[in-house]
PDB file of N, CA and C in Angstrom:
ATOM      1  N   MET A   1      75.935 116.774-111.230  1.00  0.00           N
ATOM      2  CA  MET A   1      75.031 117.779-110.725  1.00  0.00           C
ATOM      3  C   MET A   1      74.982 118.909-111.732  1.00  0.00           C
ATOM      4  N   MET A   2      73.793 119.357-112.027  1.00  0.00           N
ATOM      5  CA  MET A   2      73.606 120.513-112.891  1.00  0.00           C
ATOM      6  C   MET A   2      72.772 121.519-112.124  1.00  0.00           C
ATOM      7  N   ILE A   3      73.246 122.752-112.066  1.00  0.00           N
ATOM      8  CA  ILE A   3      72.523 123.819-111.383  1.00  0.00           C
ATOM      9  C   ILE A   3      72.238 124.921-112.390  1.00  0.00           C
ATOM     10  N   ALA A   4      70.979 125.345-112.443  1.00  0.00           N
ATOM     11  CA  ALA A   4      70.583 126.420-113.352  1.00  0.00           C
ATOM     12  C   ALA A   4      69.838 127.482-112.563  1.00  0.00           C
ATOM     13  N   LEU A   5      70.098 128.739-112.876  1.00  0.00           N
ATOM     14  CA  LEU A   5      69.437 129.821-112.156  1.00  0.00           C
ATOM     15  C   LEU A   5      67.963 129.929-112.493  1.00  0.00           C
ATOM     16  N   GLU A   6      67.599 129.642-113.735  1.00  0.00           N
ATOM     17  CA  GLU A   6      66.208 129.819-114.121  1.00  0.00           C
ATOM     18  C   GLU A   6      65.510 128.525-114.506  1.00  0.00           C
ATOM     19  N   ALA A   7      66.104 127.776-115.383  1.00  0.00           N
ATOM     20  CA  ALA A   7      65.423 126.560-115.856  1.00  0.00           C
ATOM     21  C   ALA A   7      66.419 125.683-116.575  1.00  0.00           C
ATOM     22  N   TYR A   8      65.935 124.603-117.112  1.00  0.00           N
ATOM     23  CA  TYR A   8      66.750 123.693-117.895  1.00  0.00           C
ATOM     24  C   TYR A   8      66.073 123.515-119.235  1.00  0.00           C
ATOM     25  N   THR A   9      66.835 123.114-120.223  1.00  0.00           N
ATOM     26  CA  THR A   9      66.269 122.947-121.563  1.00  0.00           C
ATOM     27  C   THR A   9      65.750 121.523-121.744  1.00  0.00           C
ATOM     28  N   PRO A  10      64.823 121.336-122.644  1.00  0.00           N
ATOM     29  CA  PRO A  10      64.383 119.977-122.960  1.00  0.00           C
ATOM     30  C   PRO A  10      65.546 119.099-123.425  1.00  0.00           C
ATOM     31  N   ALA A  11      66.529 119.698-124.091  1.00  0.00           N
ATOM     32  CA  ALA A  11      67.688 118.926-124.547  1.00  0.00           C
ATOM     33  C   ALA A  11      68.468 118.352-123.361  1.00  0.00           C
ATOM     34  N   ALA A  12      68.572 119.095-122.267  1.00  0.00           N
ATOM     35  CA  ALA A  12      69.272 118.604-121.076  1.00  0.00           C
ATOM     36  C   ALA A  12      68.547 117.399-120.482  1.00  0.00           C
ATOM     37  N   VAL A  13      67.245 117.470-120.404  1.00  0.00           N
ATOM     38  CA  VAL A  13      66.457 116.345-119.882  1.00  0.00           C
ATOM     39  C   VAL A  13      66.583 115.140-120.810  1.00  0.00           C
ATOM     40  N   ASN A  14      66.476 115.360-122.113  1.00  0.00           N
ATOM     41  CA  ASN A  14      66.606 114.261-123.074  1.00  0.00           C
ATOM     42  C   ASN A  14      67.976 113.599-122.971  1.00  0.00           C
ATOM     43  N   ARG A  15      69.026 114.409-122.804  1.00  0.00           N
ATOM     44  CA  ARG A  15      70.360 113.817-122.691  1.00  0.00           C
ATOM     45  C   ARG A  15      70.465 112.967-121.432  1.00  0.00           C
ATOM     46  N   ALA A  16      69.920 113.441-120.335  1.00  0.00           N
ATOM     47  CA  ALA A  16      69.980 112.671-119.089  1.00  0.00           C
ATOM     48  C   ALA A  16      69.205 111.361-119.201  1.00  0.00           C
ATOM     49  N   TYR A  17      68.054 111.404-119.847  1.00  0.00           N
ATOM     50  CA  TYR A  17      67.229 110.202-119.955  1.00  0.00           C
ATOM     51  C   TYR A  17      67.730 109.215-121.010  1.00  0.00           C
ATOM     52  N   TYR A  18      68.193 109.743-122.139  1.00  0.00           N
ATOM     53  CA  TYR A  18      68.465 108.861-123.273  1.00  0.00           C
ATOM     54  C   TYR A  18      69.936 108.626-123.564  1.00  0.00           C
ATOM     55  N   ASP A  19      70.844 109.309-122.880  1.00  0.00           N
ATOM     56  CA  ASP A  19      72.268 109.078-123.094  1.00  0.00           C
ATOM     57  C   ASP A  19      72.614 107.678-122.598  1.00  0.00           C
ATOM     58  N   ASN A  20      73.657 107.083-123.161  1.00  0.00           N
ATOM     59  CA  ASN A  20      74.020 105.722-122.757  1.00  0.00           C
ATOM     60  C   ASN A  20      74.859 105.702-121.476  1.00  0.00           C
ATOM     61  N   LEU A  21      75.058 106.856-120.843  1.00  0.00           N
ATOM     62  CA  LEU A  21      75.761 106.920-119.570  1.00  0.00           C
ATOM     63  C   LEU A  21      74.801 106.610-118.433  1.00  0.00           C
ATOM     64  N   ASP A  22      75.336 106.235-117.298  1.00  0.00           N
ATOM     65  CA  ASP A  22      74.516 105.943-116.121  1.00  0.00           C
ATOM     66  C   ASP A  22      74.236 107.254-115.394  1.00  0.00           C
ATOM     67  N   VAL A  23      73.163 107.949-115.785  1.00  0.00           N
ATOM     68  CA  VAL A  23      72.823 109.265-115.240  1.00  0.00           C
ATOM     69  C   VAL A  23      71.538 109.160-114.434  1.00  0.00           C
ATOM     70  N   VAL A  24      71.547 109.722-113.227  1.00  0.00           N
ATOM     71  CA  VAL A  24      70.343 109.818-112.406  1.00  0.00           C
ATOM     72  C   VAL A  24      69.912 111.273-112.436  1.00  0.00           C
ATOM     73  N   LEU A  25      68.664 111.531-112.784  1.00  0.00           N
ATOM     74  CA  LEU A  25      68.170 112.896-112.920  1.00  0.00           C
ATOM     75  C   LEU A  25      67.121 113.180-111.857  1.00  0.00           C
ATOM     76  N   ASP A  26      67.409 114.148-110.998  1.00  0.00           N
ATOM     77  CA  ASP A  26      66.444 114.687-110.051  1.00  0.00           C
ATOM     78  C   ASP A  26      66.374 116.188-110.302  1.00  0.00           C
ATOM     79  N   VAL A  27      65.181 116.721-110.460  1.00  0.00           N
ATOM     80  CA  VAL A  27      65.015 118.143-110.706  1.00  0.00           C
ATOM     81  C   VAL A  27      64.482 118.782-109.424  1.00  0.00           C
ATOM     82  N   LEU A  28      65.251 119.719-108.875  1.00  0.00           N
ATOM     83  CA  LEU A  28      64.871 120.410-107.649  1.00  0.00           C
ATOM     84  C   LEU A  28      64.977 121.908-107.847  1.00  0.00           C
ATOM     85  N   SER A  29      64.103 122.652-107.200  1.00  0.00           N
ATOM     86  CA  SER A  29      64.262 124.107-107.166  1.00  0.00           C
ATOM     87  C   SER A  29      65.344 124.437-106.141  1.00  0.00           C
ATOM     88  N   LEU A  30      65.845 125.666-106.141  1.00  0.00           N
ATOM     89  CA  LEU A  30      66.851 126.045-105.150  1.00  0.00           C
ATOM     90  C   LEU A  30      66.304 125.932-103.737  1.00  0.00           C
ATOM     91  N   ASP A  31      65.033 126.254-103.541  1.00  0.00           N
ATOM     92  CA  ASP A  31      64.434 126.121-102.209  1.00  0.00           C
ATOM     93  C   ASP A  31      64.406 124.658-101.769  1.00  0.00           C
ATOM     94  N   GLU A  32      64.077 123.747-102.677  1.00  0.00           N
ATOM     95  CA  GLU A  32      64.079 122.326-102.346  1.00  0.00           C
ATOM     96  C   GLU A  32      65.500 121.831-102.068  1.00  0.00           C
ATOM     97  N   LEU A  33      66.462 122.342-102.836  1.00  0.00           N
ATOM     98  CA  LEU A  33      67.848 121.937-102.647  1.00  0.00           C
ATOM     99  C   LEU A  33      68.366 122.350-101.272  1.00  0.00           C
ATOM    100  N   LYS A  34      67.909 123.477-100.752  1.00  0.00           N
ATOM    101  CA  LYS A  34      68.361 123.951 -99.444  1.00  0.00           C
ATOM    102  C   LYS A  34      68.002 122.976 -98.324  1.00  0.00           C
ATOM    103  N   THR A  35      66.946 122.191 -98.500  1.00  0.00           N
ATOM    104  CA  THR A  35      66.581 121.235 -97.452  1.00  0.00           C
ATOM    105  C   THR A  35      67.614 120.117 -97.318  1.00  0.00           C
ATOM    106  N   TYR A  36      68.417 119.913 -98.351  1.00  0.00           N
ATOM    107  CA  TYR A  36      69.459 118.885 -98.321  1.00  0.00           C
ATOM    108  C   TYR A  36      70.825 119.459 -97.965  1.00  0.00           C
ATOM    109  N   GLN A  37      70.881 120.754 -97.714  1.00  0.00           N
ATOM    110  CA  GLN A  37      72.149 121.425 -97.461  1.00  0.00           C
ATOM    111  C   GLN A  37      72.750 120.996 -96.136  1.00  0.00           C
ATOM    112  N   GLY A  38      74.033 120.784 -96.113  1.00  0.00           N
ATOM    113  CA  GLY A  38      74.770 120.455 -94.906  1.00  0.00           C
ATOM    114  C   GLY A  38      76.105 121.172 -94.933  1.00  0.00           C
ATOM    115  N   PRO A  39      76.879 121.068 -93.863  1.00  0.00           N
ATOM    116  CA  PRO A  39      78.144 121.802 -93.810  1.00  0.00           C
ATOM    117  C   PRO A  39      79.237 121.216 -94.705  1.00  0.00           C
ATOM    118  N   THR A  40      79.154 119.929 -95.034  1.00  0.00           N
ATOM    119  CA  THR A  40      80.178 119.299 -95.866  1.00  0.00           C
ATOM    120  C   THR A  40      79.561 118.231 -96.754  1.00  0.00           C
ATOM    121  N   ALA A  41      80.368 117.758 -97.685  1.00  0.00           N
ATOM    122  CA  ALA A  41      79.946 116.664 -98.569  1.00  0.00           C
ATOM    123  C   ALA A  41      81.154 115.800 -98.883  1.00  0.00           C
ATOM    124  N   ILE A  42      80.892 114.551 -99.220  1.00  0.00           N
ATOM    125  CA  ILE A  42      81.959 113.647 -99.633  1.00  0.00           C
ATOM    126  C   ILE A  42      81.566 113.029-100.977  1.00  0.00           C
ATOM    127  N   PRO A  43      81.832 113.742-102.080  1.00  0.00           N
ATOM    128  CA  PRO A  43      81.576 113.130-103.385  1.00  0.00           C
ATOM    129  C   PRO A  43      82.625 112.050-103.631  1.00  0.00           C
ATOM    130  N   TYR A  44      82.212 110.989-104.281  1.00  0.00           N
ATOM    131  CA  TYR A  44      83.144 109.888-104.492  1.00  0.00           C
ATOM    132  C   TYR A  44      82.933 109.255-105.853  1.00  0.00           C
ATOM    133  N   SER A  45      83.959 108.571-106.302  1.00  0.00           N
ATOM    134  CA  SER A  45      83.904 107.780-107.521  1.00  0.00           C
ATOM    135  C   SER A  45      84.755 106.543-107.278  1.00  0.00           C
ATOM    136  N   GLY A  46      84.130 105.380-107.242  1.00  0.00           N
ATOM    137  CA  GLY A  46      84.863 104.152-106.943  1.00  0.00           C
ATOM    138  C   GLY A  46      85.413 104.192-105.537  1.00  0.00           C
ATOM    139  N   GLU A  47      86.715 104.034-105.404  1.00  0.00           N
ATOM    140  CA  GLU A  47      87.357 104.054-104.094  1.00  0.00           C
ATOM    141  C   GLU A  47      87.889 105.427-103.691  1.00  0.00           C
ATOM    142  N   CYS A  48      87.717 106.426-104.546  1.00  0.00           N
ATOM    143  CA  CYS A  48      88.262 107.766-104.288  1.00  0.00           C
ATOM    144  C   CYS A  48      87.155 108.723-103.872  1.00  0.00           C
ATOM    145  N   GLY A  49      87.458 109.627-102.944  1.00  0.00           N
ATOM    146  CA  GLY A  49      86.506 110.618-102.502  1.00  0.00           C
ATOM    147  C   GLY A  49      87.219 111.893-102.102  1.00  0.00           C
ATOM    148  N   ALA A  50      86.459 112.953-101.905  1.00  0.00           N
ATOM    149  CA  ALA A  50      87.021 114.232-101.472  1.00  0.00           C
ATOM    150  C   ALA A  50      86.083 114.862-100.462  1.00  0.00           C
ATOM    151  N   TRP A  51      86.625 115.420 -99.401  1.00  0.00           N
ATOM    152  CA  TRP A  51      85.849 116.110 -98.374  1.00  0.00           C
ATOM    153  C   TRP A  51      85.803 117.579 -98.770  1.00  0.00           C
ATOM    154  N   ILE A  52      84.612 118.120 -99.003  1.00  0.00           N
ATOM    155  CA  ILE A  52      84.509 119.527 -99.415  1.00  0.00           C
ATOM    156  C   ILE A  52      83.500 120.249 -98.522  1.00  0.00           C
ATOM    157  N   VAL A  53      83.676 121.547 -98.406  1.00  0.00           N
ATOM    158  CA  VAL A  53      82.791 122.394 -97.613  1.00  0.00           C
ATOM    159  C   VAL A  53      81.740 123.007 -98.537  1.00  0.00           C
ATOM    160  N   ALA A  54      80.494 123.063 -98.081  1.00  0.00           N
ATOM    161  CA  ALA A  54      79.405 123.632 -98.878  1.00  0.00           C
ATOM    162  C   ALA A  54      79.628 125.124 -99.086  1.00  0.00           C
ATOM    163  N   PRO A  55      79.289 125.641-100.285  1.00  0.00           N
ATOM    164  CA  PRO A  55      79.560 127.045-100.591  1.00  0.00           C
ATOM    165  C   PRO A  55      78.603 128.045 -99.920  1.00  0.00           C
ATOM    166  N   PHE A  56      77.400 127.597 -99.542  1.00  0.00           N
ATOM    167  CA  PHE A  56      76.487 128.569 -98.928  1.00  0.00           C
ATOM    168  C   PHE A  56      75.740 127.989 -97.765  1.00  0.00           C
TER     169      PHE A  56
END
């Protein structure tokens, strides 16, 4: 996840699209991001995860 207060650079988009890593790029404004906001999240990698509380 990348969060920017104002914008992102073309280099950031190019890295997400052309890097050899498995990167999914979705660009949302803060207002759009708020529609997905919930009280908690469970980020995971493989078999491991963590329960975290949303900051706002």
